[in-house]
């Protein structure tokens, strides 16, 4: 059986292709896995960022409420257990 030059070239090109494929395919796969991991991490960080922005907005609203005397009195009574002079506090228990 005689192999002509065209078949030899095709064989060499195919072998070179297979060698490159064997060398680069694992690297391509690892890069793909790493890229997917980074994309997921970016989504998670964006979600955390949005939650922090919402938290900051809520805290800014609380700061604005601190200018209202009603809110200050409410916080004083509920969180600090404070009362006005001469005021009696009754606590009901179940």
PDB file of N, CA and C in Angstrom:
ATOM      1  N   UNK A   1       0.843  -1.169   0.000  1.00  0.00           N
ATOM      2  CA  UNK A   1       0.000   0.000   0.000  1.00  0.00           C
ATOM      3  C   UNK A   1       0.892   1.236   0.000  1.00  0.00           C
ATOM      4  N   UNK A   2       0.604   2.093  -0.921  1.00  0.00           N
ATOM      5  CA  UNK A   2       1.414   3.273  -1.106  1.00  0.00           C
ATOM      6  C   UNK A   2       0.656   4.503  -0.586  1.00  0.00           C
ATOM      7  N   UNK A   3       1.337   5.303   0.222  1.00  0.00           N
ATOM      8  CA  UNK A   3       0.714   6.516   0.764  1.00  0.00           C
ATOM      9  C   UNK A   3       1.236   7.676  -0.061  1.00  0.00           C
ATOM     10  N   UNK A   4       0.313   8.416  -0.604  1.00  0.00           N
ATOM     11  CA  UNK A   4       0.761   9.558  -1.411  1.00  0.00           C
ATOM     12  C   UNK A   4       0.997  10.774  -0.513  1.00  0.00           C
ATOM     13  N   UNK A   5       1.498  11.802  -1.108  1.00  0.00           N
ATOM     14  CA  UNK A   5       1.906  12.993  -0.361  1.00  0.00           C
ATOM     15  C   UNK A   5       0.696  13.673   0.290  1.00  0.00           C
ATOM     16  N   UNK A   6      -0.428  13.714  -0.395  1.00  0.00           N
ATOM     17  CA  UNK A   6      -1.625  14.342   0.155  1.00  0.00           C
ATOM     18  C   UNK A   6      -2.067  13.618   1.421  1.00  0.00           C
ATOM     19  N   UNK A   7      -2.069  12.321   1.422  1.00  0.00           N
ATOM     20  CA  UNK A   7      -2.459  11.548   2.597  1.00  0.00           C
ATOM     21  C   UNK A   7      -1.467  11.733   3.740  1.00  0.00           C
ATOM     22  N   UNK A   8      -0.175  11.855   3.388  1.00  0.00           N
ATOM     23  CA  UNK A   8       0.837  12.097   4.422  1.00  0.00           C
ATOM     24  C   UNK A   8       0.601  13.441   5.101  1.00  0.00           C
ATOM     25  N   UNK A   9       0.289  14.454   4.315  1.00  0.00           N
ATOM     26  CA  UNK A   9       0.028  15.786   4.873  1.00  0.00           C
ATOM     27  C   UNK A   9      -1.196  15.755   5.785  1.00  0.00           C
ATOM     28  N   UNK A  10      -2.239  15.099   5.327  1.00  0.00           N
ATOM     29  CA  UNK A  10      -3.452  14.998   6.139  1.00  0.00           C
ATOM     30  C   UNK A  10      -3.176  14.257   7.441  1.00  0.00           C
ATOM     31  N   UNK A  11      -2.371  13.224   7.345  1.00  0.00           N
ATOM     32  CA  UNK A  11      -2.020  12.452   8.534  1.00  0.00           C
ATOM     33  C   UNK A  11      -1.200  13.306   9.515  1.00  0.00           C
ATOM     34  N   UNK A  12      -0.242  14.037   8.998  1.00  0.00           N
ATOM     35  CA  UNK A  12       0.593  14.893   9.847  1.00  0.00           C
ATOM     36  C   UNK A  12      -0.257  16.006  10.487  1.00  0.00           C
ATOM     37  N   UNK A  13      -1.099  16.624   9.688  1.00  0.00           N
ATOM     38  CA  UNK A  13      -1.963  17.696  10.209  1.00  0.00           C
ATOM     39  C   UNK A  13      -2.899  17.143  11.284  1.00  0.00           C
ATOM     40  N   UNK A  14      -3.446  15.982  11.051  1.00  0.00           N
ATOM     41  CA  UNK A  14      -4.344  15.350  12.017  1.00  0.00           C
ATOM     42  C   UNK A  14      -3.604  15.022  13.306  1.00  0.00           C
ATOM     43  N   UNK A  15      -2.390  14.497  13.179  1.00  0.00           N
ATOM     44  CA  UNK A  15      -1.592  14.183  14.370  1.00  0.00           C
ATOM     45  C   UNK A  15      -1.239  15.446  15.158  1.00  0.00           C
ATOM     46  N   UNK A  16      -0.847  16.478  14.445  1.00  0.00           N
ATOM     47  CA  UNK A  16      -0.524  17.739  15.109  1.00  0.00           C
ATOM     48  C   UNK A  16      -1.765  18.292  15.813  1.00  0.00           C
ATOM     49  N   UNK A  17      -2.892  18.222  15.147  1.00  0.00           N
ATOM     50  CA  UNK A  17      -4.149  18.681  15.738  1.00  0.00           C
ATOM     51  C   UNK A  17      -4.477  17.898  17.016  1.00  0.00           C
ATOM     52  N   UNK A  18      -4.311  16.607  16.960  1.00  0.00           N
ATOM     53  CA  UNK A  18      -4.610  15.768  18.128  1.00  0.00           C
ATOM     54  C   UNK A  18      -3.663  16.059  19.290  1.00  0.00           C
ATOM     55  N   UNK A  19      -2.394  16.301  18.981  1.00  0.00           N
ATOM     56  CA  UNK A  19      -1.435  16.632  20.033  1.00  0.00           C
ATOM     57  C   UNK A  19      -1.798  17.969  20.675  1.00  0.00           C
ATOM     58  N   UNK A  20      -2.103  18.970  19.860  1.00  0.00           N
ATOM     59  CA  UNK A  20      -2.518  20.259  20.397  1.00  0.00           C
ATOM     60  C   UNK A  20      -3.812  20.143  21.197  1.00  0.00           C
ATOM     61  N   UNK A  21      -4.734  19.371  20.698  1.00  0.00           N
ATOM     62  CA  UNK A  21      -5.998  19.161  21.398  1.00  0.00           C
ATOM     63  C   UNK A  21      -5.761  18.506  22.754  1.00  0.00           C
ATOM     64  N   UNK A  22      -4.887  17.518  22.786  1.00  0.00           N
ATOM     65  CA  UNK A  22      -4.582  16.837  24.041  1.00  0.00           C
ATOM     66  C   UNK A  22      -3.904  17.797  25.019  1.00  0.00           C
ATOM     67  N   UNK A  23      -3.110  18.696  24.524  1.00  0.00           N
ATOM     68  CA  UNK A  23      -2.398  19.628  25.381  1.00  0.00           C
ATOM     69  C   UNK A  23      -3.307  20.759  25.878  1.00  0.00           C
ATOM     70  N   UNK A  24      -4.124  21.334  24.971  1.00  0.00           N
ATOM     71  CA  UNK A  24      -4.900  22.521  25.306  1.00  0.00           C
ATOM     72  C   UNK A  24      -6.287  22.240  25.871  1.00  0.00           C
ATOM     73  N   UNK A  25      -6.874  21.129  25.591  1.00  0.00           N
ATOM     74  CA  UNK A  25      -8.232  20.855  26.050  1.00  0.00           C
ATOM     75  C   UNK A  25      -8.356  20.890  27.582  1.00  0.00           C
ATOM     76  N   UNK A  26      -7.454  20.260  28.339  1.00  0.00           N
ATOM     77  CA  UNK A  26      -7.575  20.374  29.805  1.00  0.00           C
ATOM     78  C   UNK A  26      -7.441  21.817  30.310  1.00  0.00           C
ATOM     79  N   UNK A  27      -6.585  22.589  29.679  1.00  0.00           N
ATOM     80  CA  UNK A  27      -6.426  23.993  30.071  1.00  0.00           C
ATOM     81  C   UNK A  27      -7.687  24.792  29.768  1.00  0.00           C
ATOM     82  N   UNK A  28      -8.279  24.535  28.634  1.00  0.00           N
ATOM     83  CA  UNK A  28      -9.524  25.209  28.269  1.00  0.00           C
ATOM     84  C   UNK A  28     -10.628  24.842  29.262  1.00  0.00           C
ATOM     85  N   UNK A  29     -10.710  23.580  29.627  1.00  0.00           N
ATOM     86  CA  UNK A  29     -11.733  23.136  30.577  1.00  0.00           C
ATOM     87  C   UNK A  29     -11.532  23.796  31.946  1.00  0.00           C
ATOM     88  N   UNK A  30     -10.287  23.813  32.431  1.00  0.00           N
ATOM     89  CA  UNK A  30     -10.015  24.447  33.724  1.00  0.00           C
ATOM     90  C   UNK A  30     -10.351  25.936  33.682  1.00  0.00           C
ATOM     91  N   UNK A  31     -10.050  26.581  32.568  1.00  0.00           N
ATOM     92  CA  UNK A  31     -10.378  28.001  32.428  1.00  0.00           C
ATOM     93  C   UNK A  31     -11.891  28.208  32.449  1.00  0.00           C
ATOM     94  N   UNK A  32     -12.604  27.325  31.807  1.00  0.00           N
ATOM     95  CA  UNK A  32     -14.061  27.408  31.782  1.00  0.00           C
ATOM     96  C   UNK A  32     -14.635  27.238  33.197  1.00  0.00           C
ATOM     97  N   UNK A  33     -14.133  26.283  33.924  1.00  0.00           N
ATOM     98  CA  UNK A  33     -14.595  26.052  35.299  1.00  0.00           C
ATOM     99  C   UNK A  33     -14.278  27.266  36.170  1.00  0.00           C
ATOM    100  N   UNK A  34     -13.079  27.796  36.023  1.00  0.00           N
ATOM    101  CA  UNK A  34     -12.679  28.960  36.811  1.00  0.00           C
ATOM    102  C   UNK A  34     -13.534  30.173  36.463  1.00  0.00           C
ATOM    103  N   UNK A  35     -13.822  30.357  35.194  1.00  0.00           N
ATOM    104  CA  UNK A  35     -14.661  31.461  34.759  1.00  0.00           C
ATOM    105  C   UNK A  35     -16.064  31.348  35.344  1.00  0.00           C
ATOM    106  N   UNK A  36     -16.627  30.157  35.328  1.00  0.00           N
ATOM    107  CA  UNK A  36     -17.957  29.951  35.912  1.00  0.00           C
ATOM    108  C   UNK A  36     -17.954  30.248  37.405  1.00  0.00           C
ATOM    109  N   UNK A  37     -16.902  29.855  38.076  1.00  0.00           N
ATOM    110  CA  UNK A  37     -16.779  30.117  39.509  1.00  0.00           C
ATOM    111  C   UNK A  37     -16.718  31.623  39.768  1.00  0.00           C
ATOM    112  N   UNK A  38     -15.959  32.334  38.956  1.00  0.00           N
ATOM    113  CA  UNK A  38     -15.842  33.780  39.122  1.00  0.00           C
ATOM    114  C   UNK A  38     -17.156  34.493  38.816  1.00  0.00           C
ATOM    115  N   UNK A  39     -17.887  34.012  37.830  1.00  0.00           N
ATOM    116  CA  UNK A  39     -19.184  34.605  37.499  1.00  0.00           C
ATOM    117  C   UNK A  39     -20.147  34.428  38.670  1.00  0.00           C
ATOM    118  N   UNK A  40     -20.144  33.242  39.271  1.00  0.00           N
ATOM    119  CA  UNK A  40     -21.009  32.992  40.430  1.00  0.00           C
ATOM    120  C   UNK A  40     -20.599  33.878  41.603  1.00  0.00           C
ATOM    121  N   UNK A  41     -19.311  34.009  41.823  1.00  0.00           N
ATOM    122  CA  UNK A  41     -18.817  34.859  42.905  1.00  0.00           C
ATOM    123  C   UNK A  41     -19.215  36.315  42.678  1.00  0.00           C
ATOM    124  N   UNK A  42     -19.163  36.756  41.429  1.00  0.00           N
ATOM    125  CA  UNK A  42     -19.564  38.128  41.108  1.00  0.00           C
ATOM    126  C   UNK A  42     -21.046  38.337  41.401  1.00  0.00           C
ATOM    127  N   UNK A  43     -21.879  37.369  41.039  1.00  0.00           N
ATOM    128  CA  UNK A  43     -23.317  37.475  41.331  1.00  0.00           C
ATOM    129  C   UNK A  43     -23.558  37.552  42.829  1.00  0.00           C
ATOM    130  N   UNK A  44     -22.855  36.710  43.590  1.00  0.00           N
ATOM    131  CA  UNK A  44     -23.002  36.721  45.045  1.00  0.00           C
ATOM    132  C   UNK A  44     -22.575  38.067  45.632  1.00  0.00           C
ATOM    133  N   UNK A  45     -21.462  38.602  45.140  1.00  0.00           N
ATOM    134  CA  UNK A  45     -20.981  39.887  45.638  1.00  0.00           C
ATOM    135  C   UNK A  45     -21.929  41.026  45.265  1.00  0.00           C
ATOM    136  N   UNK A  46     -22.520  40.953  44.081  1.00  0.00           N
ATOM    137  CA  UNK A  46     -23.498  41.973  43.691  1.00  0.00           C
ATOM    138  C   UNK A  46     -24.724  41.921  44.598  1.00  0.00           C
ATOM    139  N   UNK A  47     -25.145  40.723  44.959  1.00  0.00           N
ATOM    140  CA  UNK A  47     -26.278  40.566  45.867  1.00  0.00           C
ATOM    141  C   UNK A  47     -25.945  41.141  47.239  1.00  0.00           C
ATOM    142  N   UNK A  48     -24.752  40.847  47.731  1.00  0.00           N
ATOM    143  CA  UNK A  48     -24.317  41.399  49.021  1.00  0.00           C
ATOM    144  C   UNK A  48     -24.257  42.921  48.942  1.00  0.00           C
ATOM    145  N   UNK A  49     -23.764  43.435  47.837  1.00  0.00           N
ATOM    146  CA  UNK A  49     -23.666  44.878  47.640  1.00  0.00           C
ATOM    147  C   UNK A  49     -25.048  45.524  47.690  1.00  0.00           C
ATOM    148  N   UNK A  50     -26.018  44.932  47.031  1.00  0.00           N
ATOM    149  CA  UNK A  50     -27.380  45.464  47.042  1.00  0.00           C
ATOM    150  C   UNK A  50     -27.956  45.438  48.452  1.00  0.00           C
ATOM    151  N   UNK A  51     -27.719  44.356  49.186  1.00  0.00           N
ATOM    152  CA  UNK A  51     -28.222  44.263  50.556  1.00  0.00           C
ATOM    153  C   UNK A  51     -27.590  45.336  51.448  1.00  0.00           C
ATOM    154  N   UNK A  52     -26.314  45.585  51.251  1.00  0.00           N
ATOM    155  CA  UNK A  52     -25.628  46.613  52.038  1.00  0.00           C
ATOM    156  C   UNK A  52     -26.186  47.992  51.687  1.00  0.00           C
ATOM    157  N   UNK A  53     -26.444  48.246  50.412  1.00  0.00           N
ATOM    158  CA  UNK A  53     -27.022  49.530  50.009  1.00  0.00           C
ATOM    159  C   UNK A  53     -28.390  49.731  50.656  1.00  0.00           C
ATOM    160  N   UNK A  54     -29.209  48.690  50.690  1.00  0.00           N
ATOM    161  CA  UNK A  54     -30.532  48.777  51.317  1.00  0.00           C
ATOM    162  C   UNK A  54     -30.383  49.046  52.811  1.00  0.00           C
ATOM    163  N   UNK A  55     -29.439  48.354  53.442  1.00  0.00           N
ATOM    164  CA  UNK A  55     -29.183  48.557  54.868  1.00  0.00           C
ATOM    165  C   UNK A  55     -28.746  49.993  55.148  1.00  0.00           C
ATOM    166  N   UNK A  56     -27.905  50.541  54.312  1.00  0.00           N
ATOM    167  CA  UNK A  56     -27.443  51.922  54.474  1.00  0.00           C
ATOM    168  C   UNK A  56     -28.615  52.887  54.334  1.00  0.00           C
ATOM    169  N   UNK A  57     -29.489  52.637  53.370  1.00  0.00           N
ATOM    170  CA  UNK A  57     -30.657  53.501  53.190  1.00  0.00           C
ATOM    171  C   UNK A  57     -31.557  53.460  54.426  1.00  0.00           C
ATOM    172  N   UNK A  58     -31.767  52.274  54.985  1.00  0.00           N
ATOM    173  CA  UNK A  58     -32.595  52.156  56.190  1.00  0.00           C
ATOM    174  C   UNK A  58     -31.955  52.895  57.365  1.00  0.00           C
ATOM    175  N   UNK A  59     -30.642  52.781  57.494  1.00  0.00           N
ATOM    176  CA  UNK A  59     -29.950  53.485  58.573  1.00  0.00           C
ATOM    177  C   UNK A  59     -30.005  54.997  58.382  1.00  0.00           C
ATOM    178  N   UNK A  60     -29.919  55.454  57.138  1.00  0.00           N
ATOM    179  CA  UNK A  60     -30.058  56.892  56.866  1.00  0.00           C
ATOM    180  C   UNK A  60     -31.441  57.386  57.262  1.00  0.00           C
ATOM    181  N   UNK A  61     -32.463  56.567  56.995  1.00  0.00           N
ATOM    182  CA  UNK A  61     -33.824  56.937  57.394  1.00  0.00           C
ATOM    183  C   UNK A  61     -33.931  57.006  58.912  1.00  0.00           C
ATOM    184  N   UNK A  62     -33.296  56.063  59.603  1.00  0.00           N
ATOM    185  CA  UNK A  62     -33.303  56.098  61.072  1.00  0.00           C
ATOM    186  C   UNK A  62     -32.600  57.349  61.588  1.00  0.00           C
ATOM    187  N   UNK A  63     -31.532  57.749  60.947  1.00  0.00           N
ATOM    188  CA  UNK A  63     -30.816  58.957  61.361  1.00  0.00           C
ATOM    189  C   UNK A  63     -31.707  60.181  61.189  1.00  0.00           C
ATOM    190  N   UNK A  64     -32.435  60.226  60.078  1.00  0.00           N
ATOM    191  CA  UNK A  64     -33.349  61.346  59.855  1.00  0.00           C
ATOM    192  C   UNK A  64     -34.455  61.372  60.906  1.00  0.00           C
ATOM    193  N   UNK A  65     -34.911  60.200  61.333  1.00  0.00           N
ATOM    194  CA  UNK A  65     -35.961  60.128  62.350  1.00  0.00           C
ATOM    195  C   UNK A  65     -35.471  60.631  63.705  1.00  0.00           C
ATOM    196  N   UNK A  66     -34.171  60.583  63.937  1.00  0.00           N
ATOM    197  CA  UNK A  66     -33.627  61.025  65.220  1.00  0.00           C
ATOM    198  C   UNK A  66     -33.824  62.520  65.445  1.00  0.00           C
ATOM    199  N   UNK A  67     -34.172  63.261  64.417  1.00  0.00           N
ATOM    200  CA  UNK A  67     -34.456  64.681  64.569  1.00  0.00           C
ATOM    201  C   UNK A  67     -35.865  64.919  65.103  1.00  0.00           C
ATOM    202  N   UNK A  68     -36.707  63.891  65.102  1.00  0.00           N
ATOM    203  CA  UNK A  68     -38.078  64.012  65.584  1.00  0.00           C
ATOM    204  C   UNK A  68     -38.121  63.654  67.064  1.00  0.00           C
ATOM    205  N   UNK A  69     -38.755  64.512  67.860  1.00  0.00           N
ATOM    206  CA  UNK A  69     -38.801  64.272  69.304  1.00  0.00           C
ATOM    207  C   UNK A  69     -39.633  63.028  69.638  1.00  0.00           C
ATOM    208  N   UNK A  70     -40.687  62.765  68.847  1.00  0.00           N
ATOM    209  CA  UNK A  70     -41.513  61.573  69.092  1.00  0.00           C
ATOM    210  C   UNK A  70     -40.674  60.304  68.971  1.00  0.00           C
ATOM    211  N   UNK A  71     -39.850  60.237  67.954  1.00  0.00           N
ATOM    212  CA  UNK A  71     -39.019  59.047  67.730  1.00  0.00           C
ATOM    213  C   UNK A  71     -37.986  58.889  68.848  1.00  0.00           C
ATOM    214  N   UNK A  72     -37.392  60.008  69.271  1.00  0.00           N
ATOM    215  CA  UNK A  72     -36.410  59.947  70.358  1.00  0.00           C
ATOM    216  C   UNK A  72     -37.072  59.436  71.627  1.00  0.00           C
ATOM    217  N   UNK A  73     -38.284  59.927  71.916  1.00  0.00           N
ATOM    218  CA  UNK A  73     -39.007  59.466  73.103  1.00  0.00           C
ATOM    219  C   UNK A  73     -39.352  57.983  72.993  1.00  0.00           C
ATOM    220  N   UNK A  74     -39.753  57.553  71.832  1.00  0.00           N
ATOM    221  CA  UNK A  74     -40.100  56.142  71.616  1.00  0.00           C
ATOM    222  C   UNK A  74     -38.877  55.248  71.865  1.00  0.00           C
ATOM    223  N   UNK A  75     -37.745  55.624  71.318  1.00  0.00           N
ATOM    224  CA  UNK A  75     -36.516  54.851  71.510  1.00  0.00           C
ATOM    225  C   UNK A  75     -36.123  54.841  72.987  1.00  0.00           C
ATOM    226  N   UNK A  76     -36.240  55.998  73.631  1.00  0.00           N
ATOM    227  CA  UNK A  76     -35.888  56.085  75.048  1.00  0.00           C
ATOM    228  C   UNK A  76     -36.741  55.143  75.885  1.00  0.00           C
ATOM    229  N   UNK A  77     -38.024  55.081  75.590  1.00  0.00           N
ATOM    230  CA  UNK A  77     -38.929  54.237  76.372  1.00  0.00           C
ATOM    231  C   UNK A  77     -38.720  52.749  76.071  1.00  0.00           C
ATOM    232  N   UNK A  78     -38.614  52.409  74.785  1.00  0.00           N
ATOM    233  CA  UNK A  78     -38.566  50.992  74.397  1.00  0.00           C
ATOM    234  C   UNK A  78     -37.196  50.361  74.643  1.00  0.00           C
ATOM    235  N   UNK A  79     -36.177  50.988  74.178  1.00  0.00           N
ATOM    236  CA  UNK A  79     -34.844  50.361  74.233  1.00  0.00           C
ATOM    237  C   UNK A  79     -34.095  50.660  75.523  1.00  0.00           C
ATOM    238  N   UNK A  80     -34.263  51.888  76.024  1.00  0.00           N
ATOM    239  CA  UNK A  80     -33.481  52.295  77.188  1.00  0.00           C
ATOM    240  C   UNK A  80     -34.273  52.195  78.490  1.00  0.00           C
ATOM    241  N   UNK A  81     -35.549  51.826  78.400  1.00  0.00           N
ATOM    242  CA  UNK A  81     -36.401  51.670  79.579  1.00  0.00           C
ATOM    243  C   UNK A  81     -36.450  52.957  80.410  1.00  0.00           C
ATOM    244  N   UNK A  82     -36.486  54.102  79.763  1.00  0.00           N
ATOM    245  CA  UNK A  82     -36.537  55.381  80.467  1.00  0.00           C
ATOM    246  C   UNK A  82     -37.990  55.814  80.625  1.00  0.00           C
ATOM    247  N   UNK A  83     -38.232  56.744  81.581  1.00  0.00           N
ATOM    248  CA  UNK A  83     -39.573  57.276  81.814  1.00  0.00           C
ATOM    249  C   UNK A  83     -39.452  58.731  82.198  1.00  0.00           C
ATOM    250  N   UNK A  84     -40.586  59.419  82.105  1.00  0.00           N
ATOM    251  CA  UNK A  84     -40.610  60.826  82.505  1.00  0.00           C
ATOM    252  C   UNK A  84     -40.743  60.918  84.014  1.00  0.00           C
ATOM    253  N   UNK A  85     -40.434  62.080  84.563  1.00  0.00           N
ATOM    254  CA  UNK A  85     -40.549  62.307  86.006  1.00  0.00           C
ATOM    255  C   UNK A  85     -41.997  62.144  86.433  1.00  0.00           C
ATOM    256  N   UNK A  86     -42.196  61.367  87.473  1.00  0.00           N
ATOM    257  CA  UNK A  86     -43.528  61.179  88.016  1.00  0.00           C
ATOM    258  C   UNK A  86     -44.370  60.191  87.244  1.00  0.00           C
ATOM    259  N   UNK A  87     -43.845  59.591  86.207  1.00  0.00           N
ATOM    260  CA  UNK A  87     -44.600  58.649  85.382  1.00  0.00           C
ATOM    261  C   UNK A  87     -44.439  57.265  85.962  1.00  0.00           C
ATOM    262  N   UNK A  88     -45.525  56.506  85.948  1.00  0.00           N
ATOM    263  CA  UNK A  88     -45.498  55.133  86.446  1.00  0.00           C
ATOM    264  C   UNK A  88     -45.685  54.205  85.247  1.00  0.00           C
ATOM    265  N   UNK A  89     -44.825  53.197  85.158  1.00  0.00           N
ATOM    266  CA  UNK A  89     -44.903  52.255  84.049  1.00  0.00           C
ATOM    267  C   UNK A  89     -45.469  50.944  84.556  1.00  0.00           C
ATOM    268  N   UNK A  90     -46.494  50.474  83.882  1.00  0.00           N
ATOM    269  CA  UNK A  90     -47.099  49.202  84.229  1.00  0.00           C
ATOM    270  C   UNK A  90     -46.718  48.180  83.162  1.00  0.00           C
ATOM    271  N   UNK A  91     -46.281  47.033  83.606  1.00  0.00           N
ATOM    272  CA  UNK A  91     -45.926  45.959  82.660  1.00  0.00           C
ATOM    273  C   UNK A  91     -46.915  44.822  82.841  1.00  0.00           C
ATOM    274  N   UNK A  92     -47.439  44.388  81.735  1.00  0.00           N
ATOM    275  CA  UNK A  92     -48.382  43.266  81.747  1.00  0.00           C
ATOM    276  C   UNK A  92     -47.650  42.008  81.305  1.00  0.00           C
ATOM    277  N   UNK A  93     -47.887  40.930  82.045  1.00  0.00           N
ATOM    278  CA  UNK A  93     -47.287  39.658  81.658  1.00  0.00           C
ATOM    279  C   UNK A  93     -48.390  38.672  81.351  1.00  0.00           C
ATOM    280  N   UNK A  94     -48.141  37.778  80.471  1.00  0.00           N
ATOM    281  CA  UNK A  94     -49.143  36.765  80.105  1.00  0.00           C
ATOM    282  C   UNK A  94     -49.183  35.645  81.086  1.00  0.00           C
TER     283      UNK A  94
END
